[in-house]
Amino acid sequence: MKLFERATMGGQKIENLKAKIDEIKQKFPEVTGKLDPWKREWDGMYSSAKVTDVAYSENESYQVVAAKWHMERFSHPSSGGTEWIEWCELHHKEKPAGKINSKKTEEITIRDRYDPNFDRRDLWCFHEISLSLSERTARLAWLKDGVEGIVYNLPLK
């Protein structure tokens, strides 16, 4: 088990996340497959990513799912440490039967694989997200103990 998993994804938290994802898939089946973990390998570089939190919201016009992702990237044979990268994705559709659209926020390297001076330790503890909707905007925030960190206001059109 990797350090990040030991620190943030205890058994209870994993079960809660799986339950949240299953509930969201029932409400918004079009996101099935968009929240699954993945692994890639190319030219000695390895990466794997998984969702660390999800949120669902809807209003009279839209259904919206937000997911916070954590990716670990490293090379073999090792030429540096493990890099941690995090971002959020937003999947939304207009009601009643609109086409699903997706948006991705910028990727933020929170642990540099070569130089710890570039680590964003201030962001290591933001594992959850909150999601709220206005008429045509989604407000997505990284959370730590209910306190907001990075906030995105993303248009839904």
C-alpha atoms as a PDB file:
ATOM      1  CA  MET A   1       0.000   0.000   0.000  1.00  0.00           C
ATOM      2  CA  LYS A   2       1.324   3.423  -0.922  1.00  0.00           C
ATOM      3  CA  LEU A   3       1.919   6.223   1.586  1.00  0.00           C
ATOM      4  CA  PHE A   4      -1.037   8.245   0.282  1.00  0.00           C
ATOM      5  CA  GLU A   5      -3.396   5.292   0.735  1.00  0.00           C
ATOM      6  CA  ARG A   6      -2.189   4.677   4.280  1.00  0.00           C
ATOM      7  CA  ALA A   7      -2.563   8.326   5.194  1.00  0.00           C
ATOM      8  CA  THR A   8      -5.954   9.080   3.662  1.00  0.00           C
ATOM      9  CA  MET A   9      -7.843   6.025   2.547  1.00  0.00           C
ATOM     10  CA  GLY A  10      -8.466   3.949   5.660  1.00  0.00           C
ATOM     11  CA  GLY A  11     -10.917   1.068   5.289  1.00  0.00           C
ATOM     12  CA  GLN A  12     -13.905   3.093   6.524  1.00  0.00           C
ATOM     13  CA  LYS A  13     -13.158   5.951   4.131  1.00  0.00           C
ATOM     14  CA  ILE A  14     -12.766   3.599   1.151  1.00  0.00           C
ATOM     15  CA  GLU A  15     -16.128   1.979   1.899  1.00  0.00           C
ATOM     16  CA  ASN A  16     -17.784   5.404   2.216  1.00  0.00           C
ATOM     17  CA  LEU A  17     -16.294   6.500  -1.111  1.00  0.00           C
ATOM     18  CA  LYS A  18     -17.464   3.321  -2.858  1.00  0.00           C
ATOM     19  CA  ALA A  19     -20.961   3.853  -1.462  1.00  0.00           C
ATOM     20  CA  LYS A  20     -20.978   7.487  -2.644  1.00  0.00           C
ATOM     21  CA  ILE A  21     -19.867   6.467  -6.138  1.00  0.00           C
ATOM     22  CA  ASP A  22     -22.502   3.701  -6.327  1.00  0.00           C
ATOM     23  CA  GLU A  23     -25.224   6.120  -5.242  1.00  0.00           C
ATOM     24  CA  ILE A  24     -24.119   8.708  -7.807  1.00  0.00           C
ATOM     25  CA  LYS A  25     -24.058   6.086 -10.586  1.00  0.00           C
ATOM     26  CA  GLN A  26     -27.689   5.255  -9.783  1.00  0.00           C
ATOM     27  CA  LYS A  27     -28.713   8.926 -10.043  1.00  0.00           C
ATOM     28  CA  PHE A  28     -26.493   9.715 -13.039  1.00  0.00           C
ATOM     29  CA  PRO A  29     -25.687   6.433 -14.878  1.00  0.00           C
ATOM     30  CA  GLU A  30     -23.843   8.244 -17.702  1.00  0.00           C
ATOM     31  CA  VAL A  31     -20.814   8.705 -15.402  1.00  0.00           C
ATOM     32  CA  THR A  32     -20.285   4.942 -15.160  1.00  0.00           C
ATOM     33  CA  GLY A  33     -16.701   4.325 -16.263  1.00  0.00           C
ATOM     34  CA  LYS A  34     -15.671   7.979 -15.792  1.00  0.00           C
ATOM     35  CA  LEU A  35     -14.936   7.457 -12.082  1.00  0.00           C
ATOM     36  CA  ASP A  36     -12.931   4.230 -12.396  1.00  0.00           C
ATOM     37  CA  PRO A  37      -9.254   4.100 -11.353  1.00  0.00           C
ATOM     38  CA  TRP A  38      -6.683   3.643 -14.106  1.00  0.00           C
ATOM     39  CA  LYS A  39      -3.024   2.690 -14.632  1.00  0.00           C
ATOM     40  CA  ARG A  40      -0.680   3.454 -17.521  1.00  0.00           C
ATOM     41  CA  GLU A  41       2.867   2.478 -18.450  1.00  0.00           C
ATOM     42  CA  TRP A  42       5.025   3.944 -21.207  1.00  0.00           C
ATOM     43  CA  ASP A  43       8.805   4.025 -21.755  1.00  0.00           C
ATOM     44  CA  GLY A  44       9.585   3.074 -18.153  1.00  0.00           C
ATOM     45  CA  MET A  45       7.178   5.652 -16.733  1.00  0.00           C
ATOM     46  CA  TYR A  46       4.265   4.463 -14.608  1.00  0.00           C
ATOM     47  CA  SER A  47       1.201   6.315 -13.450  1.00  0.00           C
ATOM     48  CA  SER A  48      -1.988   5.377 -11.670  1.00  0.00           C
ATOM     49  CA  ALA A  49      -4.934   7.540 -10.709  1.00  0.00           C
ATOM     50  CA  LYS A  50      -8.009   7.167  -8.565  1.00  0.00           C
ATOM     51  CA  VAL A  51     -10.868   9.274  -7.315  1.00  0.00           C
ATOM     52  CA  THR A  52     -10.450  10.454  -3.709  1.00  0.00           C
ATOM     53  CA  ASP A  53     -13.865  12.092  -3.372  1.00  0.00           C
ATOM     54  CA  VAL A  54     -17.040  12.673  -5.367  1.00  0.00           C
ATOM     55  CA  ALA A  55     -19.988  15.007  -5.058  1.00  0.00           C
ATOM     56  CA  TYR A  56     -23.366  15.155  -6.794  1.00  0.00           C
ATOM     57  CA  SER A  57     -25.739  18.046  -7.187  1.00  0.00           C
ATOM     58  CA  GLU A  58     -28.660  18.921  -9.395  1.00  0.00           C
ATOM     59  CA  ASN A  59     -30.988  21.820  -9.997  1.00  0.00           C
ATOM     60  CA  GLU A  60     -33.976  22.279 -12.291  1.00  0.00           C
ATOM     61  CA  SER A  61     -31.683  22.489 -15.353  1.00  0.00           C
ATOM     62  CA  TYR A  62     -28.624  20.285 -14.700  1.00  0.00           C
ATOM     63  CA  GLN A  63     -27.268  17.088 -13.170  1.00  0.00           C
ATOM     64  CA  VAL A  64     -23.641  17.482 -12.088  1.00  0.00           C
ATOM     65  CA  VAL A  65     -20.992  15.123 -10.704  1.00  0.00           C
ATOM     66  CA  ALA A  66     -17.618  16.350  -9.471  1.00  0.00           C
ATOM     67  CA  ALA A  67     -14.662  14.067  -8.777  1.00  0.00           C
ATOM     68  CA  LYS A  68     -11.307  14.851  -7.158  1.00  0.00           C
ATOM     69  CA  TRP A  69      -8.483  12.769  -8.608  1.00  0.00           C
ATOM     70  CA  HIS A  70      -5.088  11.774  -7.195  1.00  0.00           C
ATOM     71  CA  MET A  71      -2.383  10.450  -9.548  1.00  0.00           C
ATOM     72  CA  GLU A  72       0.978   8.980  -8.627  1.00  0.00           C
ATOM     73  CA  ARG A  73       3.698   8.954 -11.280  1.00  0.00           C
ATOM     74  CA  PHE A  74       7.165   7.389 -11.115  1.00  0.00           C
ATOM     75  CA  SER A  75       9.765   5.805 -13.365  1.00  0.00           C
ATOM     76  CA  HIS A  76      11.538   2.476 -13.239  1.00  0.00           C
ATOM     77  CA  PRO A  77      14.438   2.147 -12.825  1.00  0.00           C
ATOM     78  CA  SER A  78      14.012   5.030 -10.435  1.00  0.00           C
ATOM     79  CA  SER A  79      15.205   8.407 -11.610  1.00  0.00           C
ATOM     80  CA  GLY A  80      13.534  10.394  -8.874  1.00  0.00           C
ATOM     81  CA  GLY A  81      10.781   9.894  -6.369  1.00  0.00           C
ATOM     82  CA  THR A  82       7.053   9.556  -6.772  1.00  0.00           C
ATOM     83  CA  GLU A  83       5.183  12.571  -8.033  1.00  0.00           C
ATOM     84  CA  TRP A  84       1.652  13.333  -6.775  1.00  0.00           C
ATOM     85  CA  ILE A  85      -0.694  15.228  -9.064  1.00  0.00           C
ATOM     86  CA  GLU A  86      -4.274  16.216  -8.251  1.00  0.00           C
ATOM     87  CA  TRP A  87      -7.150  17.734 -10.207  1.00  0.00           C
ATOM     88  CA  CYS A  88     -10.930  17.788 -10.368  1.00  0.00           C
ATOM     89  CA  GLU A  89     -13.295  16.720 -13.111  1.00  0.00           C
ATOM     90  CA  LEU A  90     -16.850  17.893 -13.614  1.00  0.00           C
ATOM     91  CA  HIS A  91     -19.387  15.828 -15.581  1.00  0.00           C
ATOM     92  CA  HIS A  92     -22.713  17.460 -16.320  1.00  0.00           C
ATOM     93  CA  LYS A  93     -25.756  17.315 -18.542  1.00  0.00           C
ATOM     94  CA  GLU A  94     -28.843  19.349 -19.109  1.00  0.00           C
ATOM     95  CA  LYS A  95     -32.119  17.822 -18.002  1.00  0.00           C
ATOM     96  CA  PRO A  96     -34.073  15.892 -19.069  1.00  0.00           C
ATOM     97  CA  ALA A  97     -31.880  14.080 -21.615  1.00  0.00           C
ATOM     98  CA  GLY A  98     -28.974  16.271 -22.616  1.00  0.00           C
ATOM     99  CA  LYS A  99     -25.555  15.130 -23.786  1.00  0.00           C
ATOM    100  CA  ILE A 100     -22.960  14.599 -21.063  1.00  0.00           C
ATOM    101  CA  ASN A 101     -20.152  17.180 -21.020  1.00  0.00           C
ATOM    102  CA  SER A 102     -16.920  17.018 -19.039  1.00  0.00           C
ATOM    103  CA  LYS A 103     -14.434  19.603 -17.808  1.00  0.00           C
ATOM    104  CA  LYS A 104     -11.100  19.136 -16.107  1.00  0.00           C
ATOM    105  CA  THR A 105      -9.350  21.664 -13.883  1.00  0.00           C
ATOM    106  CA  GLU A 106      -5.620  22.245 -14.140  1.00  0.00           C
ATOM    107  CA  GLU A 107      -3.369  19.562 -12.722  1.00  0.00           C
ATOM    108  CA  ILE A 108      -1.486  20.618  -9.602  1.00  0.00           C
ATOM    109  CA  THR A 109       1.730  18.835  -8.689  1.00  0.00           C
ATOM    110  CA  ILE A 110       1.555  18.619  -4.914  1.00  0.00           C
ATOM    111  CA  ARG A 111       4.656  16.427  -4.495  1.00  0.00           C
ATOM    112  CA  ASP A 112       7.571  16.984  -6.850  1.00  0.00           C
ATOM    113  CA  ARG A 113       9.454  13.838  -7.814  1.00  0.00           C
ATOM    114  CA  TYR A 114      12.874  15.523  -7.950  1.00  0.00           C
ATOM    115  CA  ASP A 115      12.949  18.445  -5.536  1.00  0.00           C
ATOM    116  CA  PRO A 116      10.981  18.608  -2.263  1.00  0.00           C
ATOM    117  CA  ASN A 117      11.382  22.402  -2.317  1.00  0.00           C
ATOM    118  CA  PHE A 118       8.631  22.406  -4.968  1.00  0.00           C
ATOM    119  CA  ASP A 119       6.231  20.297  -2.877  1.00  0.00           C
ATOM    120  CA  ARG A 120       2.855  21.877  -2.159  1.00  0.00           C
ATOM    121  CA  ARG A 121       2.578  20.480   1.378  1.00  0.00           C
ATOM    122  CA  ASP A 122      -0.153  23.024   2.084  1.00  0.00           C
ATOM    123  CA  LEU A 123      -2.391  21.005  -0.282  1.00  0.00           C
ATOM    124  CA  TRP A 124      -1.570  17.483   0.941  1.00  0.00           C
ATOM    125  CA  CYS A 125      -4.476  17.455   3.389  1.00  0.00           C
ATOM    126  CA  PHE A 126      -7.301  18.478   0.988  1.00  0.00           C
ATOM    127  CA  HIS A 127      -8.864  15.100   0.176  1.00  0.00           C
ATOM    128  CA  GLU A 128     -12.534  16.046  -0.087  1.00  0.00           C
ATOM    129  CA  ILE A 129     -14.607  18.361  -2.282  1.00  0.00           C
ATOM    130  CA  SER A 130     -17.807  20.334  -2.080  1.00  0.00           C
ATOM    131  CA  LEU A 131     -20.121  21.124  -4.986  1.00  0.00           C
ATOM    132  CA  SER A 132     -22.881  23.686  -5.271  1.00  0.00           C
ATOM    133  CA  LEU A 133     -24.837  24.936  -8.261  1.00  0.00           C
ATOM    134  CA  SER A 134     -26.257  28.235  -9.338  1.00  0.00           C
ATOM    135  CA  GLU A 135     -28.335  28.544 -12.508  1.00  0.00           C
ATOM    136  CA  ARG A 136     -25.466  27.912 -14.976  1.00  0.00           C
ATOM    137  CA  THR A 137     -22.346  27.673 -12.794  1.00  0.00           C
ATOM    138  CA  ALA A 138     -20.861  24.941 -10.635  1.00  0.00           C
ATOM    139  CA  ARG A 139     -18.842  25.976  -7.591  1.00  0.00           C
ATOM    140  CA  LEU A 140     -16.298  23.297  -6.725  1.00  0.00           C
ATOM    141  CA  ALA A 141     -13.936  23.517  -3.740  1.00  0.00           C
ATOM    142  CA  TRP A 142     -11.205  21.349  -2.225  1.00  0.00           C
ATOM    143  CA  LEU A 143     -12.008  20.725   1.458  1.00  0.00           C
ATOM    144  CA  LYS A 144     -10.019  19.990   4.603  1.00  0.00           C
ATOM    145  CA  ASP A 145     -12.200  19.390   7.677  1.00  0.00           C
ATOM    146  CA  GLY A 146     -14.986  21.430   6.057  1.00  0.00           C
ATOM    147  CA  VAL A 147     -12.719  24.412   5.304  1.00  0.00           C
ATOM    148  CA  GLU A 148     -12.324  25.405   1.646  1.00  0.00           C
ATOM    149  CA  GLY A 149      -8.964  25.575  -0.073  1.00  0.00           C
ATOM    150  CA  ILE A 150      -8.826  25.906  -3.854  1.00  0.00           C
ATOM    151  CA  VAL A 151     -12.158  27.051  -5.350  1.00  0.00           C
ATOM    152  CA  TYR A 152     -13.302  26.804  -8.974  1.00  0.00           C
ATOM    153  CA  ASN A 153     -16.343  28.488 -10.537  1.00  0.00           C
ATOM    154  CA  LEU A 154     -17.020  26.503 -13.691  1.00  0.00           C
ATOM    155  CA  PRO A 155     -19.642  27.459 -16.300  1.00  0.00           C
ATOM    156  CA  LEU A 156     -21.959  24.609 -17.270  1.00  0.00           C
ATOM    157  CA  LYS A 157     -22.400  25.664 -20.904  1.00  0.00           C
END
